[in-house]
């Protein structure tokens, strides 16, 4: 039985055939995506049994995503199909090796229509880890559904991991920082990158790891993971953490990156896999997470097979 539940969006990424503006791009490659979907697939690739709660349309893109998740080893128990909403699409622009940009087609699409209570209490009683992303918080009813899931998971002593993923273009009817604050008090660990911190309400110098971690600790989570791009990653934990108090840093691994899309999601999967496997040394957790992220960048797309799973064990 899975001991991890991941929740959030699944979508189709369209990757351009060159680093040209979208208006000038003529050909795209279709790839499955969505940060939580990437995390769930990476956990499956790492042989960590995982449920994934998501919602896609009954359109051809939804068929593609449902089939991809199944092929990647993700059980379909909580992969919902919505007959009255389309599947979310995202078009990628910019250089995929140095920070892609996304244009979303997500107004009223299936993953915005997650409903509270669809993951029953007995499923939460059966898992020890719950991982959620911030994108569903951009609109209701998915916002209320994720808040409900996090609150119920917290009540059942699940370890809740929150992946901050600021997408300003999606936040048209709500304040990102305010919605983040609805979730953080019930969260055990939060993962973020520097570009997520300002929108999430972190003040001051976001390069000051200790100051950033301190602000996030005050808002709820006892553990903070920060991805720093080519600078590697850092982690801070208070005495309230099962593995704390602790601080650790990792300089990352040098690889020939093909596509950094989903690298942060692979990092999150590596963190969860290490902690769920019993690792309590945050330096070892960062080593594992950075190895998974580095391996993921050597293939195009956020769900491509890891080139050598044994290399990240």
Protein backbone atom coordinates (compact mmCIF):
# COMPACT_ATOMS: atom_id res chain seq x y z
CA UNK A 1 0.00 0.00 0.00
CA UNK A 2 1.25 3.53 -0.73
CA UNK A 3 2.57 5.50 2.22
CA UNK A 4 2.57 8.82 0.30
CA UNK A 5 -0.31 10.83 -1.15
CA UNK A 6 0.46 13.63 -3.61
CA UNK A 7 -2.28 16.08 -4.63
CA UNK A 8 -2.58 18.72 -7.32
CA UNK A 9 -2.58 19.51 -11.01
CA UNK A 10 -1.73 17.39 -14.02
CA UNK A 11 -1.38 19.13 -17.37
CA UNK A 12 0.16 18.92 -20.80
CA UNK A 13 3.33 20.91 -21.45
CA UNK A 14 4.05 21.92 -25.04
CA UNK A 15 7.80 22.40 -25.47
CA UNK A 16 8.99 24.52 -28.44
CA UNK A 17 11.49 23.11 -30.91
CA UNK A 18 13.75 26.15 -30.35
CA UNK A 19 14.27 29.00 -27.88
CA UNK A 20 12.08 31.40 -29.85
CA UNK A 21 9.10 33.51 -28.70
CA UNK A 22 5.83 31.59 -28.70
CA UNK A 23 4.44 33.77 -31.48
CA UNK A 24 7.26 32.61 -33.75
CA UNK A 25 7.28 28.93 -32.74
CA UNK A 26 5.89 26.53 -35.32
CA UNK A 27 6.51 23.13 -33.73
CA UNK A 28 6.05 21.82 -30.19
CA UNK A 29 6.71 18.52 -28.47
CA UNK A 30 3.90 17.29 -26.20
CA UNK A 31 4.99 16.31 -22.68
CA UNK A 32 3.04 15.36 -19.54
CA UNK A 33 3.52 17.81 -16.70
CA UNK A 34 2.26 19.57 -13.61
CA UNK A 35 4.48 19.88 -10.53
CA UNK A 36 2.56 17.43 -8.28
CA UNK A 37 2.23 14.97 -11.16
CA UNK A 38 5.99 15.15 -11.69
CA UNK A 39 6.56 14.49 -7.98
CA UNK A 40 4.23 11.48 -7.99
CA UNK A 41 5.90 9.98 -11.06
CA UNK A 42 9.40 10.53 -9.68
CA UNK A 43 8.41 8.80 -6.44
CA UNK A 44 7.09 5.86 -8.45
CA UNK A 45 10.37 5.74 -10.39
CA UNK A 46 12.19 5.62 -7.05
CA UNK A 47 10.03 2.63 -6.02
CA UNK A 48 8.17 4.68 -3.41
CA UNK A 49 4.46 3.58 -3.58
CA UNK A 50 2.37 6.73 -4.03
CA UNK A 51 -1.27 7.72 -4.46
CA UNK A 52 -1.91 10.76 -6.65
CA UNK A 53 -5.09 12.83 -6.38
CA UNK A 54 -5.67 14.89 -9.50
CA UNK A 55 -8.37 15.68 -12.07
CA UNK A 56 -8.16 15.73 -15.85
CA UNK A 57 -10.75 15.95 -18.60
CA UNK A 58 -12.22 13.13 -20.62
CA UNK A 59 -10.75 14.80 -23.70
CA UNK A 60 -7.81 13.31 -25.66
CA UNK A 61 -5.30 15.24 -23.53
CA UNK A 62 -6.85 13.76 -20.41
CA UNK A 63 -6.59 10.30 -21.98
CA UNK A 64 -2.92 10.96 -22.69
CA UNK A 65 -2.22 12.04 -19.10
CA UNK A 66 -4.17 9.21 -17.46
CA UNK A 67 -2.38 6.66 -19.64
CA UNK A 68 0.99 8.26 -18.92
CA UNK A 69 0.46 8.18 -15.16
CA UNK A 70 -0.56 4.52 -15.34
CA UNK A 71 2.43 3.68 -17.53
CA UNK A 72 4.73 5.44 -15.05
CA UNK A 73 3.46 3.30 -12.16
CA UNK A 74 1.02 5.72 -10.50
CA UNK A 75 -2.20 3.96 -9.31
CA UNK A 76 -5.44 5.36 -10.75
CA UNK A 77 -7.52 5.27 -7.55
CA UNK A 78 -7.54 9.08 -7.20
CA UNK A 79 -6.97 10.07 -10.83
CA UNK A 80 -10.36 11.63 -11.56
CA UNK A 81 -11.87 12.26 -15.01
CA UNK A 82 -14.12 15.30 -15.51
CA UNK A 83 -16.60 14.97 -18.39
CA UNK A 84 -17.50 18.67 -18.39
CA UNK A 85 -14.10 20.38 -18.23
CA UNK A 86 -11.04 20.41 -20.45
CA UNK A 87 -7.53 19.37 -19.43
CA UNK A 88 -5.08 22.15 -18.57
CA UNK A 89 -2.45 23.07 -21.18
CA UNK A 90 0.80 24.99 -20.74
CA UNK A 91 3.09 26.33 -23.45
CA UNK A 92 6.74 26.63 -22.52
CA UNK A 93 9.02 29.42 -23.79
CA UNK A 94 12.56 30.53 -23.14
CA UNK A 95 15.64 28.39 -22.71
CA UNK A 96 14.65 25.07 -21.09
CA UNK A 97 18.12 24.72 -19.54
CA UNK A 98 18.09 28.06 -17.71
CA UNK A 99 14.56 28.74 -16.53
CA UNK A 100 11.55 28.10 -18.77
CA UNK A 101 8.47 30.34 -18.75
CA UNK A 102 4.91 29.07 -18.98
CA UNK A 103 1.74 30.31 -20.65
CA UNK A 104 -1.26 28.50 -19.17
CA UNK A 105 -4.66 27.64 -20.58
CA UNK A 106 -6.35 26.88 -17.25
CA UNK A 107 -9.59 28.84 -16.94
CA UNK A 108 -12.17 26.42 -15.50
CA UNK A 109 -10.17 23.36 -16.51
CA UNK A 110 -10.45 20.01 -14.77
CA UNK A 111 -7.68 20.44 -12.20
CA UNK A 112 -9.30 23.67 -10.92
CA UNK A 113 -12.36 21.58 -9.99
CA UNK A 114 -10.96 19.35 -7.26
CA UNK A 115 -13.66 18.86 -4.62
CA UNK A 116 -13.32 18.58 -0.85
CA UNK A 117 -13.73 15.12 0.61
CA UNK A 118 -12.84 13.14 -2.50
CA UNK A 119 -9.90 11.61 -0.64
CA UNK A 120 -11.62 9.74 2.20
CA UNK A 121 -10.40 9.69 5.77
CA UNK A 122 -9.43 6.02 5.58
CA UNK A 123 -6.97 6.83 2.78
CA UNK A 124 -5.34 9.51 4.94
CA UNK A 125 -5.24 7.09 7.85
CA UNK A 126 -3.30 4.67 5.63
CA UNK A 127 -0.54 7.08 4.53
CA UNK A 128 2.17 8.82 6.52
CA UNK A 129 3.09 11.53 4.02
CA UNK A 130 0.98 14.06 2.13
CA UNK A 131 2.52 16.35 -0.51
CA UNK A 132 0.62 19.30 -1.99
CA UNK A 133 1.51 22.15 -4.33
CA UNK A 134 0.38 25.77 -4.30
CA UNK A 135 -1.09 26.05 -7.82
CA UNK A 136 -4.52 24.62 -6.82
CA UNK A 137 -4.83 27.44 -4.27
CA UNK A 138 -5.23 29.96 -7.11
CA UNK A 139 -8.97 29.32 -7.49
CA UNK A 140 -11.95 27.57 -5.96
CA UNK A 141 -13.13 24.86 -5.61
CA UNK A 142 -9.63 23.38 -5.80
CA UNK A 143 -8.41 25.90 -3.20
CA UNK A 144 -10.93 24.75 -0.61
CA UNK A 145 -10.24 21.11 -1.52
CA UNK A 146 -6.49 21.42 -0.88
CA UNK A 147 -6.99 23.34 2.39
CA UNK A 148 -9.43 20.65 3.54
CA UNK A 149 -7.01 17.87 2.60
CA UNK A 150 -4.09 19.52 4.43
CA UNK A 151 -6.17 20.14 7.55
CA UNK A 152 -7.43 16.54 7.67
CA UNK A 153 -3.95 15.17 7.02
CA UNK A 154 -2.58 17.32 9.83
CA UNK A 155 -5.31 16.09 12.20
CA UNK A 156 -4.23 12.49 11.42
CA UNK A 157 -0.57 13.19 12.13
CA UNK A 158 0.52 12.78 8.52
CA UNK A 159 3.73 14.60 7.68
CA UNK A 160 2.60 17.34 5.28
CA UNK A 161 5.02 18.73 2.68
CA UNK A 162 4.08 21.94 0.85
CA UNK A 163 5.74 22.77 -2.48
CA UNK A 164 5.67 26.52 -3.10
CA UNK A 165 5.34 27.27 -6.80
CA UNK A 166 4.55 30.90 -7.55
CA UNK A 167 2.89 31.36 -10.94
CA UNK A 168 1.80 35.04 -10.97
CA UNK A 169 -0.23 34.69 -14.18
CA UNK A 170 -2.57 32.23 -12.44
CA UNK A 171 -3.41 34.51 -9.52
CA UNK A 172 -6.13 36.75 -10.91
CA UNK A 173 -8.72 36.53 -8.12
CA UNK A 174 -6.71 35.82 -4.95
CA UNK A 175 -3.55 36.89 -3.15
CA UNK A 176 -0.78 34.27 -3.29
CA UNK A 177 0.79 35.14 0.08
CA UNK A 178 -2.59 35.15 1.84
CA UNK A 179 -3.49 31.73 0.46
CA UNK A 180 -0.08 30.36 1.38
CA UNK A 181 -0.75 31.50 4.94
CA UNK A 182 -3.95 29.45 4.98
CA UNK A 183 -1.86 26.31 4.51
CA UNK A 184 1.46 26.93 6.28
CA UNK A 185 0.19 26.53 9.88
CA UNK A 186 -0.78 22.91 9.11
CA UNK A 187 2.43 22.09 7.21
CA UNK A 188 5.50 20.25 8.53
CA UNK A 189 7.94 20.99 5.70
CA UNK A 190 8.00 23.53 2.91
CA UNK A 191 10.13 23.53 -0.24
CA UNK A 192 10.71 26.72 -2.23
CA UNK A 193 13.07 28.40 -4.67
CA UNK A 194 14.22 32.04 -4.45
CA UNK A 195 11.68 33.27 -7.02
CA UNK A 196 8.84 31.84 -4.90
CA UNK A 197 9.81 33.63 -1.69
CA UNK A 198 8.84 37.26 -2.40
CA UNK A 199 5.40 36.40 -3.76
CA UNK A 200 4.88 34.14 -0.73
CA UNK A 201 5.40 37.09 1.62
CA UNK A 202 9.02 36.53 2.67
CA UNK A 203 10.58 39.92 3.37
CA UNK A 204 14.14 41.18 3.12
CA UNK A 205 17.12 39.51 1.51
CA UNK A 206 15.92 36.23 0.04
CA UNK A 207 19.56 35.15 -0.38
CA UNK A 208 19.90 35.04 3.42
CA UNK A 209 19.01 31.39 3.99
CA UNK A 210 18.78 31.62 7.77
CA UNK A 211 16.55 34.70 7.66
CA UNK A 212 14.29 33.12 5.04
CA UNK A 213 14.01 29.90 7.01
CA UNK A 214 13.28 31.80 10.21
CA UNK A 215 10.37 33.66 8.61
CA UNK A 216 8.91 30.45 7.25
CA UNK A 217 9.36 28.64 10.57
CA UNK A 218 7.39 31.40 12.30
CA UNK A 219 4.48 30.78 9.91
CA UNK A 220 4.21 27.06 10.68
CA UNK A 221 6.57 24.49 9.14
CA UNK A 222 9.41 23.12 11.25
CA UNK A 223 11.53 22.27 8.18
CA UNK A 224 12.47 24.41 5.17
CA UNK A 225 14.10 23.19 1.97
CA UNK A 226 15.45 25.80 -0.46
CA UNK A 227 16.55 24.97 -3.99
CA UNK A 228 19.23 27.36 -5.24
CA UNK A 229 19.68 26.42 -8.90
CA UNK A 230 23.36 26.04 -9.72
CA UNK A 231 24.07 26.85 -6.06
CA UNK A 232 22.63 23.54 -4.92
CA UNK A 233 20.21 23.49 -2.00
CA UNK A 234 19.90 24.16 1.70
CA UNK A 235 17.75 22.90 4.56
CA UNK A 236 16.92 24.22 8.01
CA UNK A 237 14.92 22.48 10.75
CA UNK A 238 13.85 23.55 14.24
CA UNK A 239 13.87 21.39 17.37
CA UNK A 240 10.24 20.49 16.62
CA UNK A 241 11.33 18.41 13.61
CA UNK A 242 11.91 14.66 14.06
CA UNK A 243 15.33 15.28 12.44
CA UNK A 244 16.06 18.63 14.09
CA UNK A 245 17.37 21.01 15.07
CA UNK A 246 19.56 20.88 11.99
CA UNK A 247 20.97 22.84 9.10
CA UNK A 248 22.58 21.50 5.96
CA UNK A 249 23.73 22.64 2.56
CA UNK A 250 24.66 20.87 -0.67
CA UNK A 251 26.47 22.34 -3.64
CA UNK A 252 24.58 20.19 -6.17
CA UNK A 253 25.91 17.98 -8.94
CA UNK A 254 27.40 19.08 -12.26
CA UNK A 255 25.62 17.47 -15.20
CA UNK A 256 25.02 18.29 -18.86
CA UNK A 257 21.47 19.57 -18.47
CA UNK A 258 19.04 19.11 -21.35
CA UNK A 259 15.88 20.43 -19.69
CA UNK A 260 15.48 21.89 -16.19
CA UNK A 261 11.68 21.68 -16.37
CA UNK A 262 10.62 19.64 -13.36
CA UNK A 263 14.02 19.67 -11.65
CA UNK A 264 12.50 21.18 -8.51
CA UNK A 265 9.78 18.54 -8.57
CA UNK A 266 12.41 15.80 -8.81
CA UNK A 267 14.16 17.43 -5.84
CA UNK A 268 10.92 17.31 -3.84
CA UNK A 269 10.47 13.64 -4.70
CA UNK A 270 14.02 12.93 -3.57
CA UNK A 271 13.40 14.69 -0.25
CA UNK A 272 10.18 12.79 0.42
CA UNK A 273 11.69 9.47 -0.65
CA UNK A 274 14.67 9.91 1.67
CA UNK A 275 12.63 11.03 4.68
CA UNK A 276 9.90 8.43 4.14
CA UNK A 277 12.66 5.82 3.94
CA UNK A 278 13.84 6.74 7.42
CA UNK A 279 16.75 9.09 6.67
CA UNK A 280 17.15 11.67 9.44
CA UNK A 281 20.41 13.35 8.42
CA UNK A 282 19.42 16.42 6.42
CA UNK A 283 22.79 16.48 4.66
CA UNK A 284 22.08 12.97 3.34
CA UNK A 285 18.54 14.02 2.40
CA UNK A 286 19.91 16.92 0.34
CA UNK A 287 22.45 14.64 -1.30
CA UNK A 288 19.67 12.29 -2.36
CA UNK A 289 17.36 15.07 -3.53
CA UNK A 290 20.05 16.85 -5.55
CA UNK A 291 21.06 13.58 -7.19
CA UNK A 292 17.47 12.91 -8.29
CA UNK A 293 17.09 16.48 -9.57
CA UNK A 294 20.37 16.39 -11.47
CA UNK A 295 19.52 13.08 -13.11
CA UNK A 296 16.11 14.41 -14.12
CA UNK A 297 17.63 17.35 -16.02
CA UNK A 298 19.48 15.04 -18.40
CA UNK A 299 16.24 14.12 -20.18
CA UNK A 300 13.57 16.34 -21.77
CA UNK A 301 10.29 16.65 -19.86
CA UNK A 302 9.32 16.48 -16.20
CA UNK A 303 8.38 12.78 -16.27
CA UNK A 304 11.05 11.25 -18.48
CA UNK A 305 12.64 8.09 -17.15
CA UNK A 306 15.63 8.64 -14.90
CA UNK A 307 18.69 7.61 -16.92
CA UNK A 308 19.96 5.31 -14.17
CA UNK A 309 17.80 4.97 -11.04
CA UNK A 310 20.65 3.16 -9.26
CA UNK A 311 22.77 6.29 -9.60
CA UNK A 312 20.54 8.21 -7.21
CA UNK A 313 20.21 5.51 -4.55
